């Protein structure tokens, strides 16, 4: 039965046009990715028109599944969100959600809470740390851009500028300020228009030198800050630093133990995907038996 299932998925459907790949390996990869990203995996067995044989297994995005409880039986019923629905008379809808209460649909959650059908994605706790990491990198970029490169300090000697001011403005304070501002704007536009390899040519009324910072050393240790963020990220992902290539002085024995613990966590996620595959097998097997009978 497993060989027939694998052969069925690896065989293209009769179609004159393009077909999306549907191999067993691809289905397995998609479901594992859904467990990590969505916290659950789901899929539906597609039957033929007579509903007596399996023709395809289609993965379903768990994020589109919404569970409702029946008022009478208190049983959880899955509903699938459809963006552009095409409603048939024999289907039950709730807005854009289609009821898929059928044995051919299978949903397996990862690390669910009690009486909660939705799983918890391992990636969710790390998002806040990732956003903080990006903000820190953005701040570091601004610091490097502001202080990591030499900057020019241009001084216009006010005493010399006043001596070269027109005589009709020397007794007019408002005119003096306007004239000085115009000269400063001219100098500012001149230096802003220079290319990196242009020579600085100016009068001796302008003094040009490199900007000197007031601090002799860095105010914070960037490496320690990044190490703290990496540790928070590993904790949120429930992944050890060795797996993230953040050793931080770990020994070979310590790294080996990290790897063994990580394998146990991966096996826990694999069990959910195995349950989904077992459900597919049961549906396919039951349809095969009914076909024989």
C-alpha atoms as a PDB file:
ATOM      1  CA  UNK A   1       0.000   0.000   0.000  1.00  0.00           C
ATOM      2  CA  UNK A   2       2.867   2.384   0.797  1.00  0.00           C
ATOM      3  CA  UNK A   3       4.519   1.611  -2.534  1.00  0.00           C
ATOM      4  CA  UNK A   4       1.249   2.348  -4.338  1.00  0.00           C
ATOM      5  CA  UNK A   5       0.879   5.625  -2.414  1.00  0.00           C
ATOM      6  CA  UNK A   6       4.421   6.715  -3.342  1.00  0.00           C
ATOM      7  CA  UNK A   7       3.910   5.714  -6.966  1.00  0.00           C
ATOM      8  CA  UNK A   8       0.615   7.613  -7.101  1.00  0.00           C
ATOM      9  CA  UNK A   9       2.206  10.837  -5.800  1.00  0.00           C
ATOM     10  CA  UNK A  10       5.192  10.545  -8.150  1.00  0.00           C
ATOM     11  CA  UNK A  11       2.942  10.028 -11.199  1.00  0.00           C
ATOM     12  CA  UNK A  12       1.676  13.240 -12.845  1.00  0.00           C
ATOM     13  CA  UNK A  13      -2.078  13.668 -13.141  1.00  0.00           C
ATOM     14  CA  UNK A  14      -3.574  13.575 -16.647  1.00  0.00           C
ATOM     15  CA  UNK A  15      -3.424  17.204 -17.708  1.00  0.00           C
ATOM     16  CA  UNK A  16      -2.385  19.039 -20.896  1.00  0.00           C
ATOM     17  CA  UNK A  17      -0.809  21.930 -18.983  1.00  0.00           C
ATOM     18  CA  UNK A  18       1.604  22.713 -16.182  1.00  0.00           C
ATOM     19  CA  UNK A  19       1.400  20.702 -12.967  1.00  0.00           C
ATOM     20  CA  UNK A  20       2.830  21.520  -9.575  1.00  0.00           C
ATOM     21  CA  UNK A  21       5.151  18.862  -8.200  1.00  0.00           C
ATOM     22  CA  UNK A  22       3.466  16.497  -5.732  1.00  0.00           C
ATOM     23  CA  UNK A  23       6.088  13.890  -4.854  1.00  0.00           C
ATOM     24  CA  UNK A  24       6.134  12.216  -1.437  1.00  0.00           C
ATOM     25  CA  UNK A  25       9.424  13.932  -0.540  1.00  0.00           C
ATOM     26  CA  UNK A  26       8.001  17.335  -1.428  1.00  0.00           C
ATOM     27  CA  UNK A  27       4.863  16.677   0.615  1.00  0.00           C
ATOM     28  CA  UNK A  28       7.005  15.633   3.564  1.00  0.00           C
ATOM     29  CA  UNK A  29       9.158  18.777   3.295  1.00  0.00           C
ATOM     30  CA  UNK A  30       6.114  21.065   3.142  1.00  0.00           C
ATOM     31  CA  UNK A  31       4.534  19.473   6.209  1.00  0.00           C
ATOM     32  CA  UNK A  32       7.745  19.777   8.236  1.00  0.00           C
ATOM     33  CA  UNK A  33       7.997  23.429   7.235  1.00  0.00           C
ATOM     34  CA  UNK A  34       4.390  24.013   8.288  1.00  0.00           C
ATOM     35  CA  UNK A  35       5.116  22.556  11.728  1.00  0.00           C
ATOM     36  CA  UNK A  36       8.005  24.971  12.233  1.00  0.00           C
ATOM     37  CA  UNK A  37       6.264  28.052  10.799  1.00  0.00           C
ATOM     38  CA  UNK A  38       2.583  27.468  11.674  1.00  0.00           C
ATOM     39  CA  UNK A  39       2.811  25.110  14.642  1.00  0.00           C
ATOM     40  CA  UNK A  40       0.684  22.491  12.874  1.00  0.00           C
ATOM     41  CA  UNK A  41       0.448  20.507   9.666  1.00  0.00           C
ATOM     42  CA  UNK A  42      -2.649  19.660   7.654  1.00  0.00           C
ATOM     43  CA  UNK A  43      -3.638  17.974   4.432  1.00  0.00           C
ATOM     44  CA  UNK A  44      -6.526  16.475   2.524  1.00  0.00           C
ATOM     45  CA  UNK A  45      -6.850  13.253   0.577  1.00  0.00           C
ATOM     46  CA  UNK A  46      -8.446  13.923  -2.817  1.00  0.00           C
ATOM     47  CA  UNK A  47     -10.742  11.164  -4.109  1.00  0.00           C
ATOM     48  CA  UNK A  48     -11.995  10.513  -7.604  1.00  0.00           C
ATOM     49  CA  UNK A  49     -15.513  11.379  -8.759  1.00  0.00           C
ATOM     50  CA  UNK A  50     -16.896   8.070  -7.462  1.00  0.00           C
ATOM     51  CA  UNK A  51     -15.107   8.507  -4.121  1.00  0.00           C
ATOM     52  CA  UNK A  52     -13.708   4.988  -4.293  1.00  0.00           C
ATOM     53  CA  UNK A  53     -10.044   5.699  -5.033  1.00  0.00           C
ATOM     54  CA  UNK A  54      -7.322   8.179  -4.030  1.00  0.00           C
ATOM     55  CA  UNK A  55      -5.890  10.405  -6.752  1.00  0.00           C
ATOM     56  CA  UNK A  56      -3.892  12.990  -4.771  1.00  0.00           C
ATOM     57  CA  UNK A  57      -2.818  14.250  -1.331  1.00  0.00           C
ATOM     58  CA  UNK A  58      -2.862  18.041  -1.035  1.00  0.00           C
ATOM     59  CA  UNK A  59      -1.141  19.952   1.809  1.00  0.00           C
ATOM     60  CA  UNK A  60      -3.294  22.607   3.475  1.00  0.00           C
ATOM     61  CA  UNK A  61      -2.004  25.725   5.204  1.00  0.00           C
ATOM     62  CA  UNK A  62      -2.971  25.367   8.901  1.00  0.00           C
ATOM     63  CA  UNK A  63      -3.276  29.156   9.161  1.00  0.00           C
ATOM     64  CA  UNK A  64      -6.433  28.943   7.012  1.00  0.00           C
ATOM     65  CA  UNK A  65      -8.147  26.501   9.375  1.00  0.00           C
ATOM     66  CA  UNK A  66     -10.625  27.766  11.961  1.00  0.00           C
ATOM     67  CA  UNK A  67     -12.250  25.465  14.492  1.00  0.00           C
ATOM     68  CA  UNK A  68     -15.826  25.896  15.764  1.00  0.00           C
ATOM     69  CA  UNK A  69     -17.680  23.813  18.341  1.00  0.00           C
ATOM     70  CA  UNK A  70     -21.026  22.299  17.519  1.00  0.00           C
ATOM     71  CA  UNK A  71     -23.681  23.591  19.921  1.00  0.00           C
ATOM     72  CA  UNK A  72     -25.232  20.168  20.446  1.00  0.00           C
ATOM     73  CA  UNK A  73     -22.272  17.789  20.592  1.00  0.00           C
ATOM     74  CA  UNK A  74     -19.542  20.303  21.557  1.00  0.00           C
ATOM     75  CA  UNK A  75     -17.370  18.674  18.881  1.00  0.00           C
ATOM     76  CA  UNK A  76     -14.656  20.690  17.131  1.00  0.00           C
ATOM     77  CA  UNK A  77     -15.405  21.251  13.447  1.00  0.00           C
ATOM     78  CA  UNK A  78     -12.716  22.548  11.040  1.00  0.00           C
ATOM     79  CA  UNK A  79     -13.557  25.339   8.617  1.00  0.00           C
ATOM     80  CA  UNK A  80     -11.204  26.484   5.851  1.00  0.00           C
ATOM     81  CA  UNK A  81     -10.897  30.111   4.732  1.00  0.00           C
ATOM     82  CA  UNK A  82     -11.380  30.588   0.977  1.00  0.00           C
ATOM     83  CA  UNK A  83     -10.381  33.946  -0.487  1.00  0.00           C
ATOM     84  CA  UNK A  84     -12.568  33.787  -3.607  1.00  0.00           C
ATOM     85  CA  UNK A  85     -15.234  31.190  -2.781  1.00  0.00           C
ATOM     86  CA  UNK A  86     -17.332  29.340  -5.331  1.00  0.00           C
ATOM     87  CA  UNK A  87     -20.229  28.068  -3.284  1.00  0.00           C
ATOM     88  CA  UNK A  88     -22.055  24.861  -4.203  1.00  0.00           C
ATOM     89  CA  UNK A  89     -25.566  24.104  -2.961  1.00  0.00           C
ATOM     90  CA  UNK A  90     -24.450  20.998  -1.031  1.00  0.00           C
ATOM     91  CA  UNK A  91     -21.714  22.856   0.915  1.00  0.00           C
ATOM     92  CA  UNK A  92     -21.996  24.638   4.237  1.00  0.00           C
ATOM     93  CA  UNK A  93     -20.391  28.087   4.559  1.00  0.00           C
ATOM     94  CA  UNK A  94     -19.848  30.621   7.310  1.00  0.00           C
ATOM     95  CA  UNK A  95     -18.821  33.829   5.566  1.00  0.00           C
ATOM     96  CA  UNK A  96     -15.711  32.924   3.576  1.00  0.00           C
ATOM     97  CA  UNK A  97     -15.120  29.775   5.644  1.00  0.00           C
ATOM     98  CA  UNK A  98     -16.081  26.413   4.179  1.00  0.00           C
ATOM     99  CA  UNK A  99     -16.952  23.488   6.432  1.00  0.00           C
ATOM    100  CA  UNK A 100     -14.586  20.560   5.839  1.00  0.00           C
ATOM    101  CA  UNK A 101     -15.879  18.074   8.396  1.00  0.00           C
ATOM    102  CA  UNK A 102     -14.732  15.010   6.449  1.00  0.00           C
ATOM    103  CA  UNK A 103     -12.514  12.001   7.256  1.00  0.00           C
ATOM    104  CA  UNK A 104     -10.299  12.869   4.295  1.00  0.00           C
ATOM    105  CA  UNK A 105      -9.080  16.042   6.030  1.00  0.00           C
ATOM    106  CA  UNK A 106      -6.364  15.610   8.674  1.00  0.00           C
ATOM    107  CA  UNK A 107      -4.940  18.232  11.037  1.00  0.00           C
ATOM    108  CA  UNK A 108      -2.109  17.653  13.537  1.00  0.00           C
ATOM    109  CA  UNK A 109      -1.028  20.424  15.928  1.00  0.00           C
ATOM    110  CA  UNK A 110       2.363  20.871  17.630  1.00  0.00           C
ATOM    111  CA  UNK A 111       2.613  21.563  21.389  1.00  0.00           C
ATOM    112  CA  UNK A 112      -1.071  22.484  21.857  1.00  0.00           C
ATOM    113  CA  UNK A 113      -2.547  23.804  25.079  1.00  0.00           C
ATOM    114  CA  UNK A 114      -5.234  21.845  26.920  1.00  0.00           C
ATOM    115  CA  UNK A 115      -8.529  21.848  25.019  1.00  0.00           C
ATOM    116  CA  UNK A 116      -6.998  23.991  22.269  1.00  0.00           C
ATOM    117  CA  UNK A 117      -6.879  22.604  18.699  1.00  0.00           C
ATOM    118  CA  UNK A 118      -4.318  25.130  17.494  1.00  0.00           C
ATOM    119  CA  UNK A 119      -0.611  24.402  17.728  1.00  0.00           C
ATOM    120  CA  UNK A 120       2.169  26.707  18.785  1.00  0.00           C
ATOM    121  CA  UNK A 121       4.903  27.536  16.308  1.00  0.00           C
ATOM    122  CA  UNK A 122       8.472  27.291  17.661  1.00  0.00           C
ATOM    123  CA  UNK A 123       9.301  30.459  15.687  1.00  0.00           C
ATOM    124  CA  UNK A 124       6.834  32.758  17.477  1.00  0.00           C
ATOM    125  CA  UNK A 125       8.818  33.497  20.691  1.00  0.00           C
ATOM    126  CA  UNK A 126      11.887  34.535  18.719  1.00  0.00           C
ATOM    127  CA  UNK A 127      10.169  37.277  16.691  1.00  0.00           C
ATOM    128  CA  UNK A 128      10.451  39.888  19.441  1.00  0.00           C
ATOM    129  CA  UNK A 129      14.162  39.136  19.859  1.00  0.00           C
ATOM    130  CA  UNK A 130      14.698  39.289  16.094  1.00  0.00           C
ATOM    131  CA  UNK A 131      13.003  42.688  15.872  1.00  0.00           C
ATOM    132  CA  UNK A 132      15.149  43.936  18.756  1.00  0.00           C
ATOM    133  CA  UNK A 133      18.244  42.554  17.019  1.00  0.00           C
ATOM    134  CA  UNK A 134      17.351  44.404  13.818  1.00  0.00           C
ATOM    135  CA  UNK A 135      16.828  47.642  15.772  1.00  0.00           C
ATOM    136  CA  UNK A 136      20.235  47.260  17.437  1.00  0.00           C
ATOM    137  CA  UNK A 137      21.890  46.652  14.065  1.00  0.00           C
ATOM    138  CA  UNK A 138      20.136  49.722  12.696  1.00  0.00           C
ATOM    139  CA  UNK A 139      21.425  51.804  15.628  1.00  0.00           C
ATOM    140  CA  UNK A 140      24.937  50.424  15.133  1.00  0.00           C
ATOM    141  CA  UNK A 141      24.738  51.328  11.455  1.00  0.00           C
ATOM    142  CA  UNK A 142      23.835  54.897  12.386  1.00  0.00           C
ATOM    143  CA  UNK A 143      26.697  55.077  14.894  1.00  0.00           C
ATOM    144  CA  UNK A 144      29.220  53.740  12.369  1.00  0.00           C
ATOM    145  CA  UNK A 145      27.957  56.111   9.731  1.00  0.00           C
ATOM    146  CA  UNK A 146      28.177  59.044  12.157  1.00  0.00           C
ATOM    147  CA  UNK A 147      31.404  58.222  13.989  1.00  0.00           C
ATOM    148  CA  UNK A 148      33.117  55.424  12.084  1.00  0.00           C
ATOM    149  CA  UNK A 149      34.381  57.637   9.263  1.00  0.00           C
ATOM    150  CA  UNK A 150      36.414  60.864   9.514  1.00  0.00           C
ATOM    151  CA  UNK A 151      34.328  63.988   9.122  1.00  0.00           C
ATOM    152  CA  UNK A 152      35.387  67.515   8.234  1.00  0.00           C
ATOM    153  CA  UNK A 153      35.145  70.353  10.727  1.00  0.00           C
ATOM    154  CA  UNK A 154      34.895  73.638   8.805  1.00  0.00           C
ATOM    155  CA  UNK A 155      35.208  76.943  10.664  1.00  0.00           C
ATOM    156  CA  UNK A 156      34.536  80.334   9.118  1.00  0.00           C
ATOM    157  CA  UNK A 157      36.494  82.998  10.975  1.00  0.00           C
ATOM    158  CA  UNK A 158      33.856  85.529  11.947  1.00  0.00           C
ATOM    159  CA  UNK A 159      36.354  88.330  12.643  1.00  0.00           C
ATOM    160  CA  UNK A 160      37.771  88.158   9.122  1.00  0.00           C
ATOM    161  CA  UNK A 161      34.301  87.927   7.625  1.00  0.00           C
ATOM    162  CA  UNK A 162      33.227  91.091   9.462  1.00  0.00           C
ATOM    163  CA  UNK A 163      36.285  92.977   8.207  1.00  0.00           C
ATOM    164  CA  UNK A 164      35.402  92.095   4.620  1.00  0.00           C
ATOM    165  CA  UNK A 165      31.756  93.025   5.013  1.00  0.00           C
ATOM    166  CA  UNK A 166      30.428  95.881   2.843  1.00  0.00           C
ATOM    167  CA  UNK A 167      30.594  99.268   4.607  1.00  0.00           C
ATOM    168  CA  UNK A 168      26.881  99.938   4.191  1.00  0.00           C
ATOM    169  CA  UNK A 169      26.106  96.887   6.358  1.00  0.00           C
ATOM    170  CA  UNK A 170      28.496  97.542   9.242  1.00  0.00           C
ATOM    171  CA  UNK A 171      25.988  99.785  11.026  1.00  0.00           C
ATOM    172  CA  UNK A 172      23.005  97.527  10.219  1.00  0.00           C
ATOM    173  CA  UNK A 173      22.754  94.489  12.585  1.00  0.00           C
ATOM    174  CA  UNK A 174      19.992  92.845  10.573  1.00  0.00           C
ATOM    175  CA  UNK A 175      21.927  93.282   7.348  1.00  0.00           C
ATOM    176  CA  UNK A 176      25.058  91.834   8.980  1.00  0.00           C
ATOM    177  CA  UNK A 177      23.260  88.676  10.041  1.00  0.00           C
ATOM    178  CA  UNK A 178      21.721  88.261   6.599  1.00  0.00           C
ATOM    179  CA  UNK A 179      25.081  88.755   4.867  1.00  0.00           C
ATOM    180  CA  UNK A 180      26.886  86.313   7.181  1.00  0.00           C
ATOM    181  CA  UNK A 181      24.195  83.685   6.636  1.00  0.00           C
ATOM    182  CA  UNK A 182      24.472  84.059   2.873  1.00  0.00           C
ATOM    183  CA  UNK A 183      28.253  83.566   3.053  1.00  0.00           C
ATOM    184  CA  UNK A 184      27.860  80.472   5.253  1.00  0.00           C
ATOM    185  CA  UNK A 185      25.265  78.984   2.894  1.00  0.00           C
ATOM    186  CA  UNK A 186      27.644  79.560  -0.024  1.00  0.00           C
ATOM    187  CA  UNK A 187      30.433  77.750   1.801  1.00  0.00           C
ATOM    188  CA  UNK A 188      28.091  74.934   2.834  1.00  0.00           C
ATOM    189  CA  UNK A 189      26.893  74.381  -0.732  1.00  0.00           C
ATOM    190  CA  UNK A 190      30.489  74.474  -1.965  1.00  0.00           C
ATOM    191  CA  UNK A 191      31.721  71.731   0.366  1.00  0.00           C
ATOM    192  CA  UNK A 192      28.595  69.606  -0.094  1.00  0.00           C
ATOM    193  CA  UNK A 193      29.153  69.589  -3.856  1.00  0.00           C
ATOM    194  CA  UNK A 194      32.712  68.259  -3.598  1.00  0.00           C
ATOM    195  CA  UNK A 195      33.493  64.713  -4.704  1.00  0.00           C
ATOM    196  CA  UNK A 196      35.539  62.462  -2.372  1.00  0.00           C
ATOM    197  CA  UNK A 197      38.682  62.886  -4.486  1.00  0.00           C
ATOM    198  CA  UNK A 198      38.335  66.656  -5.066  1.00  0.00           C
ATOM    199  CA  UNK A 199      40.972  68.989  -3.614  1.00  0.00           C
ATOM    200  CA  UNK A 200      39.923  71.556  -0.988  1.00  0.00           C
ATOM    201  CA  UNK A 201      40.650  75.050  -2.297  1.00  0.00           C
ATOM    202  CA  UNK A 202      39.506  77.929  -0.085  1.00  0.00           C
ATOM    203  CA  UNK A 203      40.538  81.290   1.372  1.00  0.00           C
ATOM    204  CA  UNK A 204      42.420  81.505   4.640  1.00  0.00           C
ATOM    205  CA  UNK A 205      39.233  82.865   6.227  1.00  0.00           C
ATOM    206  CA  UNK A 206      38.008  79.255   6.339  1.00  0.00           C
ATOM    207  CA  UNK A 207      39.656  76.685   8.592  1.00  0.00           C
ATOM    208  CA  UNK A 208      39.255  72.984   7.664  1.00  0.00           C
ATOM    209  CA  UNK A 209      40.273  70.005   9.829  1.00  0.00           C
ATOM    210  CA  UNK A 210      38.978  66.615  10.888  1.00  0.00           C
ATOM    211  CA  UNK A 211      36.269  66.471  13.535  1.00  0.00           C
ATOM    212  CA  UNK A 212      37.643  65.341  16.883  1.00  0.00           C
ATOM    213  CA  UNK A 213      35.353  63.315  19.164  1.00  0.00           C
ATOM    214  CA  UNK A 214      35.050  63.978  22.854  1.00  0.00           C
ATOM    215  CA  UNK A 215      35.220  60.306  23.894  1.00  0.00           C
ATOM    216  CA  UNK A 216      38.496  58.447  23.925  1.00  0.00           C
ATOM    217  CA  UNK A 217      36.888  54.974  23.682  1.00  0.00           C
ATOM    218  CA  UNK A 218      33.594  53.214  22.975  1.00  0.00           C
ATOM    219  CA  UNK A 219      30.793  53.812  25.456  1.00  0.00           C
ATOM    220  CA  UNK A 220      29.446  50.206  25.229  1.00  0.00           C
ATOM    221  CA  UNK A 221      30.938  46.812  24.418  1.00  0.00           C
ATOM    222  CA  UNK A 222      29.203  45.839  21.178  1.00  0.00           C
ATOM    223  CA  UNK A 223      30.388  42.226  21.320  1.00  0.00           C
ATOM    224  CA  UNK A 224      28.816  41.619  24.744  1.00  0.00           C
ATOM    225  CA  UNK A 225      25.560  43.167  23.559  1.00  0.00           C
ATOM    226  CA  UNK A 226      25.413  40.909  20.485  1.00  0.00           C
ATOM    227  CA  UNK A 227      26.195  37.856  22.660  1.00  0.00           C
ATOM    228  CA  UNK A 228      23.251  38.696  24.918  1.00  0.00           C
ATOM    229  CA  UNK A 229      20.932  39.023  21.907  1.00  0.00           C
ATOM    230  CA  UNK A 230      22.165  35.694  20.496  1.00  0.00           C
ATOM    231  CA  UNK A 231      21.459  33.997  23.824  1.00  0.00           C
ATOM    232  CA  UNK A 232      17.927  35.448  23.929  1.00  0.00           C
ATOM    233  CA  UNK A 233      17.334  34.314  20.358  1.00  0.00           C
ATOM    234  CA  UNK A 234      18.474  30.760  21.131  1.00  0.00           C
ATOM    235  CA  UNK A 235      16.260  30.660  24.229  1.00  0.00           C
ATOM    236  CA  UNK A 236      13.211  31.834  22.275  1.00  0.00           C
ATOM    237  CA  UNK A 237      13.821  29.285  19.523  1.00  0.00           C
ATOM    238  CA  UNK A 238      14.360  26.532  22.086  1.00  0.00           C
ATOM    239  CA  UNK A 239      17.551  25.935  20.150  1.00  0.00           C
ATOM    240  CA  UNK A 240      20.991  25.691  21.685  1.00  0.00           C
ATOM    241  CA  UNK A 241      23.767  28.074  20.710  1.00  0.00           C
ATOM    242  CA  UNK A 242      25.833  25.302  19.134  1.00  0.00           C
ATOM    243  CA  UNK A 243      23.128  24.683  16.512  1.00  0.00           C
ATOM    244  CA  UNK A 244      23.083  28.407  15.679  1.00  0.00           C
ATOM    245  CA  UNK A 245      26.907  28.459  15.295  1.00  0.00           C
ATOM    246  CA  UNK A 246      27.186  30.725  18.352  1.00  0.00           C
ATOM    247  CA  UNK A 247      29.652  28.751  20.435  1.00  0.00           C
ATOM    248  CA  UNK A 248      30.769  31.536  22.801  1.00  0.00           C
ATOM    249  CA  UNK A 249      33.683  29.447  24.145  1.00  0.00           C
ATOM    250  CA  UNK A 250      31.829  26.114  24.368  1.00  0.00           C
ATOM    251  CA  UNK A 251      33.937  22.976  24.620  1.00  0.00           C
ATOM    252  CA  UNK A 252      33.635  19.957  22.327  1.00  0.00           C
ATOM    253  CA  UNK A 253      31.847  17.926  25.029  1.00  0.00           C
ATOM    254  CA  UNK A 254      29.378  20.734  25.678  1.00  0.00           C
ATOM    255  CA  UNK A 255      28.655  21.086  21.970  1.00  0.00           C
ATOM    256  CA  UNK A 256      28.099  17.329  21.663  1.00  0.00           C
ATOM    257  CA  UNK A 257      25.504  17.409  24.464  1.00  0.00           C
ATOM    258  CA  UNK A 258      23.816  20.390  22.775  1.00  0.00           C
ATOM    259  CA  UNK A 259      23.492  18.392  19.566  1.00  0.00           C
ATOM    260  CA  UNK A 260      21.944  15.383  21.320  1.00  0.00           C
ATOM    261  CA  UNK A 261      19.380  17.566  23.080  1.00  0.00           C
ATOM    262  CA  UNK A 262      18.509  19.304  19.819  1.00  0.00           C
ATOM    263  CA  UNK A 263      17.936  15.937  18.092  1.00  0.00           C
ATOM    264  CA  UNK A 264      15.397  15.038  20.787  1.00  0.00           C
ATOM    265  CA  UNK A 265      13.505  18.278  20.109  1.00  0.00           C
ATOM    266  CA  UNK A 266      13.479  17.567  16.369  1.00  0.00           C
ATOM    267  CA  UNK A 267      12.135  14.072  16.992  1.00  0.00           C
ATOM    268  CA  UNK A 268       9.242  15.604  18.938  1.00  0.00           C
ATOM    269  CA  UNK A 269       8.272  17.708  15.904  1.00  0.00           C
ATOM    270  CA  UNK A 270       8.696  14.752  13.571  1.00  0.00           C
ATOM    271  CA  UNK A 271       6.122  12.759  15.504  1.00  0.00           C
ATOM    272  CA  UNK A 272       3.402  15.244  14.528  1.00  0.00           C
ATOM    273  CA  UNK A 273       4.284  14.859  10.872  1.00  0.00           C
ATOM    274  CA  UNK A 274       4.288  11.077  11.308  1.00  0.00           C
ATOM    275  CA  UNK A 275       0.764  11.185  12.766  1.00  0.00           C
ATOM    276  CA  UNK A 276      -0.389  13.135   9.696  1.00  0.00           C
ATOM    277  CA  UNK A 277       1.207  10.587   7.356  1.00  0.00           C
ATOM    278  CA  UNK A 278      -0.426   7.768   9.334  1.00  0.00           C
ATOM    279  CA  UNK A 279      -3.798   9.466   8.907  1.00  0.00           C
ATOM    280  CA  UNK A 280      -3.259   9.698   5.144  1.00  0.00           C
ATOM    281  CA  UNK A 281      -2.359   6.022   5.067  1.00  0.00           C
ATOM    282  CA  UNK A 282      -5.494   5.034   6.994  1.00  0.00           C
ATOM    283  CA  UNK A 283      -7.731   7.020   4.639  1.00  0.00           C
ATOM    284  CA  UNK A 284      -6.023   5.635   1.541  1.00  0.00           C
ATOM    285  CA  UNK A 285      -6.139   2.087   2.930  1.00  0.00           C
ATOM    286  CA  UNK A 286      -9.826   2.325   3.811  1.00  0.00           C
ATOM    287  CA  UNK A 287     -10.670   3.629   0.355  1.00  0.00           C
ATOM    288  CA  UNK A 288      -8.614   0.840  -1.184  1.00  0.00           C
ATOM    289  CA  UNK A 289     -10.507  -1.787   0.809  1.00  0.00           C
ATOM    290  CA  UNK A 290     -13.866  -0.348  -0.169  1.00  0.00           C
ATOM    291  CA  UNK A 291     -12.763  -0.392  -3.795  1.00  0.00           C
ATOM    292  CA  UNK A 292     -11.901  -4.079  -3.551  1.00  0.00           C
ATOM    293  CA  UNK A 293     -15.199  -4.928  -1.915  1.00  0.00           C
END
